[in-house]
Amino acid sequence: MLRLAALILLILLIGLQVKLWTGSGGVRDVESLRQTVTETRKANEELRARNEALSAEVQDLKEGRDAIEERARSELGLVKPGETFYQVVEPATPAAPAPPQQK
């Protein structure tokens, strides 16, 4: 009788171990979820940093005229009255000659 109870407990223990290591919600699933959480946290931190930078830029544009002037000059090419605008044009590199066509 004692042997039978020990055998049943051993079989039950083996079954639970198999479920733990290979079943749904087992060790593999938990490790996969941990990796997903780590990747998500990293992505969230990158997005949070980006949002903070954008928020600082918006605040600067709302409050400071220097930021608006800088944007107007760099993106729109605007100049102040009395300033002279100079545009430097780099010389074009000569194109490679086309190969002669055969008739």
C-alpha atoms as a PDB file:
ATOM      1  CA  MET A   1       0.000   0.000   0.000  1.00  0.00           C
ATOM      2  CA  LEU A   2       2.836   2.386   0.895  1.00  0.00           C
ATOM      3  CA  ARG A   3       4.609   1.449  -2.331  1.00  0.00           C
ATOM      4  CA  LEU A   4       1.511   2.233  -4.368  1.00  0.00           C
ATOM      5  CA  ALA A   5       1.141   5.673  -2.736  1.00  0.00           C
ATOM      6  CA  ALA A   6       4.824   6.446  -3.365  1.00  0.00           C
ATOM      7  CA  LEU A   7       4.462   5.353  -7.028  1.00  0.00           C
ATOM      8  CA  ILE A   8       1.372   7.546  -7.495  1.00  0.00           C
ATOM      9  CA  LEU A   9       3.170  10.530  -5.933  1.00  0.00           C
ATOM     10  CA  LEU A  10       6.220   9.936  -8.162  1.00  0.00           C
ATOM     11  CA  ILE A  11       4.049   9.792 -11.294  1.00  0.00           C
ATOM     12  CA  LEU A  12       2.249  12.953 -10.184  1.00  0.00           C
ATOM     13  CA  LEU A  13       5.579  14.713  -9.577  1.00  0.00           C
ATOM     14  CA  ILE A  14       6.872  13.717 -13.020  1.00  0.00           C
ATOM     15  CA  GLY A  15       3.639  14.938 -14.633  1.00  0.00           C
ATOM     16  CA  LEU A  16       3.872  18.292 -12.878  1.00  0.00           C
ATOM     17  CA  GLN A  17       7.508  18.712 -13.889  1.00  0.00           C
ATOM     18  CA  VAL A  18       6.671  18.011 -17.534  1.00  0.00           C
ATOM     19  CA  LYS A  19       3.857  20.579 -17.372  1.00  0.00           C
ATOM     20  CA  LEU A  20       6.172  23.116 -15.726  1.00  0.00           C
ATOM     21  CA  TRP A  21       8.931  22.832 -18.325  1.00  0.00           C
ATOM     22  CA  THR A  22       6.966  22.256 -21.534  1.00  0.00           C
ATOM     23  CA  GLY A  23       3.337  23.245 -20.977  1.00  0.00           C
ATOM     24  CA  SER A  24       1.454  26.460 -21.557  1.00  0.00           C
ATOM     25  CA  GLY A  25       2.485  29.065 -18.986  1.00  0.00           C
ATOM     26  CA  GLY A  26       5.640  27.129 -18.230  1.00  0.00           C
ATOM     27  CA  VAL A  27       9.239  28.215 -17.932  1.00  0.00           C
ATOM     28  CA  ARG A  28       9.654  28.866 -21.672  1.00  0.00           C
ATOM     29  CA  ASP A  29       6.605  31.136 -21.800  1.00  0.00           C
ATOM     30  CA  VAL A  30       7.724  33.054 -18.720  1.00  0.00           C
ATOM     31  CA  GLU A  31      11.191  33.610 -20.191  1.00  0.00           C
ATOM     32  CA  SER A  32       9.680  34.747 -23.486  1.00  0.00           C
ATOM     33  CA  LEU A  33       7.428  37.203 -21.648  1.00  0.00           C
ATOM     34  CA  ARG A  34      10.382  38.553 -19.659  1.00  0.00           C
ATOM     35  CA  GLN A  35      12.281  39.205 -22.891  1.00  0.00           C
ATOM     36  CA  THR A  36       9.238  40.947 -24.394  1.00  0.00           C
ATOM     37  CA  VAL A  37       8.862  43.131 -21.295  1.00  0.00           C
ATOM     38  CA  THR A  38      12.552  44.086 -21.455  1.00  0.00           C
ATOM     39  CA  GLU A  39      12.298  45.036 -25.144  1.00  0.00           C
ATOM     40  CA  THR A  40       9.111  47.008 -24.522  1.00  0.00           C
ATOM     41  CA  ARG A  41      10.674  48.921 -21.633  1.00  0.00           C
ATOM     42  CA  LYS A  42      13.670  49.815 -23.806  1.00  0.00           C
ATOM     43  CA  ALA A  43      11.389  51.034 -26.610  1.00  0.00           C
ATOM     44  CA  ASN A  44       9.352  53.044 -24.091  1.00  0.00           C
ATOM     45  CA  GLU A  45      12.476  54.734 -22.734  1.00  0.00           C
ATOM     46  CA  GLU A  46      13.569  55.711 -26.260  1.00  0.00           C
ATOM     47  CA  LEU A  47      10.111  57.095 -27.009  1.00  0.00           C
ATOM     48  CA  ARG A  48      10.010  58.931 -23.685  1.00  0.00           C
ATOM     49  CA  ALA A  49      13.350  60.603 -24.467  1.00  0.00           C
ATOM     50  CA  ARG A  50      12.083  61.567 -27.930  1.00  0.00           C
ATOM     51  CA  ASN A  51       8.875  62.978 -26.459  1.00  0.00           C
ATOM     52  CA  GLU A  52      10.836  65.040 -23.930  1.00  0.00           C
ATOM     53  CA  ALA A  53      13.028  66.469 -26.700  1.00  0.00           C
ATOM     54  CA  LEU A  54       9.978  67.347 -28.788  1.00  0.00           C
ATOM     55  CA  SER A  55       8.250  68.861 -25.777  1.00  0.00           C
ATOM     56  CA  ALA A  56      11.302  71.017 -25.047  1.00  0.00           C
ATOM     57  CA  GLU A  57      11.396  72.126 -28.680  1.00  0.00           C
ATOM     58  CA  VAL A  58       7.690  73.046 -28.615  1.00  0.00           C
ATOM     59  CA  GLN A  59       8.172  74.983 -25.378  1.00  0.00           C
ATOM     60  CA  ASP A  60      11.144  76.809 -26.880  1.00  0.00           C
ATOM     61  CA  LEU A  61       9.127  77.691 -29.980  1.00  0.00           C
ATOM     62  CA  LYS A  62       6.261  78.989 -27.835  1.00  0.00           C
ATOM     63  CA  GLU A  63       8.419  81.152 -25.591  1.00  0.00           C
ATOM     64  CA  GLY A  64      11.535  82.156 -27.469  1.00  0.00           C
ATOM     65  CA  ARG A  65      11.876  84.227 -30.593  1.00  0.00           C
ATOM     66  CA  ASP A  66      15.406  82.931 -31.157  1.00  0.00           C
ATOM     67  CA  ALA A  67      14.160  79.429 -31.947  1.00  0.00           C
ATOM     68  CA  ILE A  68      11.557  80.762 -34.371  1.00  0.00           C
ATOM     69  CA  GLU A  69      14.151  82.945 -36.093  1.00  0.00           C
ATOM     70  CA  GLU A  70      16.586  80.034 -36.330  1.00  0.00           C
ATOM     71  CA  ARG A  71      13.926  77.828 -37.908  1.00  0.00           C
ATOM     72  CA  ALA A  72      12.887  80.523 -40.367  1.00  0.00           C
ATOM     73  CA  ARG A  73      16.477  81.049 -41.457  1.00  0.00           C
ATOM     74  CA  SER A  74      17.460  77.385 -41.782  1.00  0.00           C
ATOM     75  CA  GLU A  75      14.272  75.865 -43.171  1.00  0.00           C
ATOM     76  CA  LEU A  76      12.741  78.752 -45.118  1.00  0.00           C
ATOM     77  CA  GLY A  77      15.883  80.651 -46.114  1.00  0.00           C
ATOM     78  CA  LEU A  78      14.559  83.953 -44.732  1.00  0.00           C
ATOM     79  CA  VAL A  79      16.843  86.957 -44.135  1.00  0.00           C
ATOM     80  CA  LYS A  80      16.404  90.071 -42.028  1.00  0.00           C
ATOM     81  CA  PRO A  81      15.904  93.478 -43.632  1.00  0.00           C
ATOM     82  CA  GLY A  82      19.275  95.010 -44.442  1.00  0.00           C
ATOM     83  CA  GLU A  83      21.057  91.652 -44.678  1.00  0.00           C
ATOM     84  CA  THR A  84      22.543  90.373 -47.907  1.00  0.00           C
ATOM     85  CA  PHE A  85      21.939  86.760 -48.854  1.00  0.00           C
ATOM     86  CA  TYR A  86      24.783  84.894 -50.533  1.00  0.00           C
ATOM     87  CA  GLN A  87      24.320  81.462 -52.010  1.00  0.00           C
ATOM     88  CA  VAL A  88      27.417  79.395 -52.674  1.00  0.00           C
ATOM     89  CA  VAL A  89      27.045  77.047 -55.612  1.00  0.00           C
ATOM     90  CA  GLU A  90      29.522  74.194 -55.872  1.00  0.00           C
ATOM     91  CA  PRO A  91      30.824  73.548 -59.386  1.00  0.00           C
ATOM     92  CA  ALA A  92      29.175  70.564 -60.995  1.00  0.00           C
ATOM     93  CA  THR A  93      31.369  67.531 -61.529  1.00  0.00           C
ATOM     94  CA  PRO A  94      31.714  66.598 -65.200  1.00  0.00           C
ATOM     95  CA  ALA A  95      29.608  63.638 -66.215  1.00  0.00           C
ATOM     96  CA  ALA A  96      31.334  60.541 -67.558  1.00  0.00           C
ATOM     97  CA  PRO A  97      31.284  60.458 -71.354  1.00  0.00           C
ATOM     98  CA  ALA A  98      28.651  58.194 -72.852  1.00  0.00           C
ATOM     99  CA  PRO A  99      30.002  55.088 -74.578  1.00  0.00           C
ATOM    100  CA  PRO A 100      29.967  55.348 -78.383  1.00  0.00           C
ATOM    101  CA  GLN A 101      26.914  53.810 -79.986  1.00  0.00           C
ATOM    102  CA  GLN A 102      27.385  51.245 -82.707  1.00  0.00           C
ATOM    103  CA  LYS A 103      25.357  51.388 -85.872  1.00  0.00           C
END
